[in-house]
């Protein structure tokens, strides 16, 4: 009887370990951090929740965007997006073309939005 219980415990532990590894691998925040370390582009967002900010990483820089809901001709949509970075001292090497790329990616997800950049990125675009 004890052997059967021990085998069931081991089986349960293996199933739990596989589940934990699976949840870790599909975690979007882990994917964001991995892309940030590899200096790749990644867009983390919950499009169903307008109150949640989105995060982008590109060329080793992390950007955060705040969405604002408003009205268009037909419905409610995200109409304004404010984007900034917490580490403006690390913007070395970011060009206008990079900012335009990020803006294009935001507009793909929120086509009715007006993208507003905060300091110092705003000064680069002016």
C-alpha atoms as a PDB file:
ATOM      1  CA  UNK A   1       0.000   0.000   0.000  1.00  0.00           C
ATOM      2  CA  UNK A   2       2.795   2.421   0.866  1.00  0.00           C
ATOM      3  CA  UNK A   3       4.516   1.658  -2.441  1.00  0.00           C
ATOM      4  CA  UNK A   4       1.353   2.587  -4.370  1.00  0.00           C
ATOM      5  CA  UNK A   5       1.024   5.870  -2.436  1.00  0.00           C
ATOM      6  CA  UNK A   6       4.689   6.650  -3.041  1.00  0.00           C
ATOM      7  CA  UNK A   7       4.275   6.010  -6.795  1.00  0.00           C
ATOM      8  CA  UNK A   8       1.194   8.255  -6.886  1.00  0.00           C
ATOM      9  CA  UNK A   9       3.150  10.967  -5.069  1.00  0.00           C
ATOM     10  CA  UNK A  10       6.021  10.721  -7.568  1.00  0.00           C
ATOM     11  CA  UNK A  11       3.571  10.812 -10.489  1.00  0.00           C
ATOM     12  CA  UNK A  12       1.883  13.881  -9.005  1.00  0.00           C
ATOM     13  CA  UNK A  13       5.263  15.577  -8.490  1.00  0.00           C
ATOM     14  CA  UNK A  14       6.300  14.902 -12.116  1.00  0.00           C
ATOM     15  CA  UNK A  15       2.991  16.239 -13.456  1.00  0.00           C
ATOM     16  CA  UNK A  16       3.301  19.336 -11.264  1.00  0.00           C
ATOM     17  CA  UNK A  17       6.879  19.930 -12.432  1.00  0.00           C
ATOM     18  CA  UNK A  18       5.870  19.651 -16.113  1.00  0.00           C
ATOM     19  CA  UNK A  19       2.990  22.080 -15.489  1.00  0.00           C
ATOM     20  CA  UNK A  20       5.277  24.581 -13.727  1.00  0.00           C
ATOM     21  CA  UNK A  21       7.833  24.477 -16.563  1.00  0.00           C
ATOM     22  CA  UNK A  22       5.067  24.942 -19.137  1.00  0.00           C
ATOM     23  CA  UNK A  23       3.628  27.968 -17.288  1.00  0.00           C
ATOM     24  CA  UNK A  24       7.121  29.454 -17.013  1.00  0.00           C
ATOM     25  CA  UNK A  25       7.826  29.014 -20.720  1.00  0.00           C
ATOM     26  CA  UNK A  26       4.612  30.688 -21.900  1.00  0.00           C
ATOM     27  CA  UNK A  27       4.796  33.598 -19.439  1.00  0.00           C
ATOM     28  CA  UNK A  28       4.689  36.818 -21.527  1.00  0.00           C
ATOM     29  CA  UNK A  29       6.757  38.792 -19.018  1.00  0.00           C
ATOM     30  CA  UNK A  30       9.540  36.241 -19.334  1.00  0.00           C
ATOM     31  CA  UNK A  31       9.374  36.629 -23.115  1.00  0.00           C
ATOM     32  CA  UNK A  32       9.594  40.412 -22.723  1.00  0.00           C
ATOM     33  CA  UNK A  33      12.654  40.145 -20.502  1.00  0.00           C
ATOM     34  CA  UNK A  34      14.311  37.639 -22.855  1.00  0.00           C
ATOM     35  CA  UNK A  35      13.736  39.943 -25.841  1.00  0.00           C
ATOM     36  CA  UNK A  36      15.062  42.880 -23.817  1.00  0.00           C
ATOM     37  CA  UNK A  37      18.269  41.010 -22.999  1.00  0.00           C
ATOM     38  CA  UNK A  38      18.705  39.923 -26.637  1.00  0.00           C
ATOM     39  CA  UNK A  39      17.962  43.490 -27.845  1.00  0.00           C
ATOM     40  CA  UNK A  40      15.045  42.317 -29.979  1.00  0.00           C
ATOM     41  CA  UNK A  41      11.610  43.795 -30.554  1.00  0.00           C
ATOM     42  CA  UNK A  42       8.743  42.523 -28.407  1.00  0.00           C
ATOM     43  CA  UNK A  43       5.350  44.059 -27.671  1.00  0.00           C
ATOM     44  CA  UNK A  44       3.593  43.044 -24.433  1.00  0.00           C
ATOM     45  CA  UNK A  45       0.007  44.206 -24.157  1.00  0.00           C
ATOM     46  CA  UNK A  46      -3.424  43.192 -22.955  1.00  0.00           C
ATOM     47  CA  UNK A  47      -5.654  44.702 -25.665  1.00  0.00           C
ATOM     48  CA  UNK A  48      -8.802  43.808 -23.729  1.00  0.00           C
ATOM     49  CA  UNK A  49      -7.777  45.924 -20.721  1.00  0.00           C
ATOM     50  CA  UNK A  50      -7.399  49.616 -21.582  1.00  0.00           C
ATOM     51  CA  UNK A  51      -6.312  50.456 -18.050  1.00  0.00           C
ATOM     52  CA  UNK A  52      -3.184  48.298 -18.299  1.00  0.00           C
ATOM     53  CA  UNK A  53      -0.094  49.890 -19.809  1.00  0.00           C
ATOM     54  CA  UNK A  54       1.773  48.119 -22.577  1.00  0.00           C
ATOM     55  CA  UNK A  55       5.498  47.488 -22.781  1.00  0.00           C
ATOM     56  CA  UNK A  56       7.804  47.382 -25.795  1.00  0.00           C
ATOM     57  CA  UNK A  57      11.430  46.506 -25.982  1.00  0.00           C
ATOM     58  CA  UNK A  58      13.603  47.420 -28.935  1.00  0.00           C
ATOM     59  CA  UNK A  59      17.385  47.555 -29.290  1.00  0.00           C
ATOM     60  CA  UNK A  60      17.811  46.984 -25.574  1.00  0.00           C
ATOM     61  CA  UNK A  61      15.490  49.852 -24.579  1.00  0.00           C
ATOM     62  CA  UNK A  62      12.286  49.323 -22.633  1.00  0.00           C
ATOM     63  CA  UNK A  63       9.361  51.587 -23.499  1.00  0.00           C
ATOM     64  CA  UNK A  64       6.083  51.899 -21.640  1.00  0.00           C
ATOM     65  CA  UNK A  65       2.844  53.170 -23.117  1.00  0.00           C
ATOM     66  CA  UNK A  66      -0.337  54.388 -21.518  1.00  0.00           C
ATOM     67  CA  UNK A  67      -3.602  54.000 -23.427  1.00  0.00           C
ATOM     68  CA  UNK A  68      -6.570  56.359 -23.279  1.00  0.00           C
ATOM     69  CA  UNK A  69     -10.042  55.381 -24.403  1.00  0.00           C
ATOM     70  CA  UNK A  70     -12.126  57.824 -26.437  1.00  0.00           C
ATOM     71  CA  UNK A  71     -14.744  57.998 -29.131  1.00  0.00           C
ATOM     72  CA  UNK A  72     -14.384  57.866 -32.884  1.00  0.00           C
ATOM     73  CA  UNK A  73     -17.146  58.208 -35.480  1.00  0.00           C
ATOM     74  CA  UNK A  74     -18.451  54.682 -34.905  1.00  0.00           C
ATOM     75  CA  UNK A  75     -17.346  53.365 -31.512  1.00  0.00           C
ATOM     76  CA  UNK A  76     -15.073  53.634 -28.491  1.00  0.00           C
ATOM     77  CA  UNK A  77     -11.423  53.007 -29.275  1.00  0.00           C
ATOM     78  CA  UNK A  78      -8.008  53.823 -27.889  1.00  0.00           C
ATOM     79  CA  UNK A  79      -7.518  57.342 -29.231  1.00  0.00           C
ATOM     80  CA  UNK A  80      -4.352  58.462 -27.450  1.00  0.00           C
ATOM     81  CA  UNK A  81      -1.192  56.623 -26.499  1.00  0.00           C
ATOM     82  CA  UNK A  82       1.559  58.231 -24.402  1.00  0.00           C
ATOM     83  CA  UNK A  83       4.934  56.498 -24.667  1.00  0.00           C
ATOM     84  CA  UNK A  84       8.043  56.997 -22.548  1.00  0.00           C
ATOM     85  CA  UNK A  85      11.113  55.246 -21.269  1.00  0.00           C
ATOM     86  CA  UNK A  86      12.264  55.054 -17.662  1.00  0.00           C
ATOM     87  CA  UNK A  87      15.957  55.116 -18.587  1.00  0.00           C
ATOM     88  CA  UNK A  88      16.366  58.055 -20.937  1.00  0.00           C
ATOM     89  CA  UNK A  89      20.131  58.033 -20.363  1.00  0.00           C
ATOM     90  CA  UNK A  90      20.336  54.740 -22.315  1.00  0.00           C
ATOM     91  CA  UNK A  91      18.793  56.113 -25.532  1.00  0.00           C
ATOM     92  CA  UNK A  92      22.191  56.224 -27.217  1.00  0.00           C
ATOM     93  CA  UNK A  93      21.911  54.826 -30.724  1.00  0.00           C
ATOM     94  CA  UNK A  94      18.132  55.199 -31.048  1.00  0.00           C
ATOM     95  CA  UNK A  95      17.314  57.079 -34.254  1.00  0.00           C
ATOM     96  CA  UNK A  96      14.207  58.718 -35.686  1.00  0.00           C
ATOM     97  CA  UNK A  97      13.703  55.649 -37.877  1.00  0.00           C
ATOM     98  CA  UNK A  98      13.618  53.477 -34.753  1.00  0.00           C
ATOM     99  CA  UNK A  99      10.996  55.730 -33.187  1.00  0.00           C
ATOM    100  CA  UNK A 100       8.949  55.647 -36.404  1.00  0.00           C
ATOM    101  CA  UNK A 101       9.171  51.838 -36.385  1.00  0.00           C
ATOM    102  CA  UNK A 102       7.842  51.720 -32.816  1.00  0.00           C
ATOM    103  CA  UNK A 103       5.091  54.172 -33.698  1.00  0.00           C
ATOM    104  CA  UNK A 104       4.098  52.020 -36.680  1.00  0.00           C
ATOM    105  CA  UNK A 105       3.889  48.950 -34.420  1.00  0.00           C
ATOM    106  CA  UNK A 106       1.649  50.848 -31.986  1.00  0.00           C
ATOM    107  CA  UNK A 107      -0.589  52.020 -34.834  1.00  0.00           C
ATOM    108  CA  UNK A 108      -0.923  48.451 -36.124  1.00  0.00           C
ATOM    109  CA  UNK A 109      -2.463  47.503 -32.776  1.00  0.00           C
ATOM    110  CA  UNK A 110      -4.356  50.769 -32.213  1.00  0.00           C
ATOM    111  CA  UNK A 111      -5.136  52.274 -35.630  1.00  0.00           C
ATOM    112  CA  UNK A 112      -7.300  55.110 -34.263  1.00  0.00           C
ATOM    113  CA  UNK A 113      -4.697  56.302 -31.779  1.00  0.00           C
ATOM    114  CA  UNK A 114      -2.535  59.389 -31.808  1.00  0.00           C
ATOM    115  CA  UNK A 115       0.908  58.518 -30.453  1.00  0.00           C
ATOM    116  CA  UNK A 116       2.487  61.097 -28.163  1.00  0.00           C
ATOM    117  CA  UNK A 117       6.097  60.689 -27.057  1.00  0.00           C
ATOM    118  CA  UNK A 118       7.381  62.128 -23.794  1.00  0.00           C
ATOM    119  CA  UNK A 119      10.698  63.868 -23.160  1.00  0.00           C
ATOM    120  CA  UNK A 120      13.432  63.343 -24.459  1.00  0.00           C
ATOM    121  CA  UNK A 121      12.077  61.388 -27.417  1.00  0.00           C
ATOM    122  CA  UNK A 122       9.689  64.228 -28.198  1.00  0.00           C
ATOM    123  CA  UNK A 123      12.653  66.577 -28.717  1.00  0.00           C
ATOM    124  CA  UNK A 124      14.200  64.159 -31.217  1.00  0.00           C
ATOM    125  CA  UNK A 125      11.059  64.136 -33.340  1.00  0.00           C
ATOM    126  CA  UNK A 126      10.663  67.927 -33.397  1.00  0.00           C
END
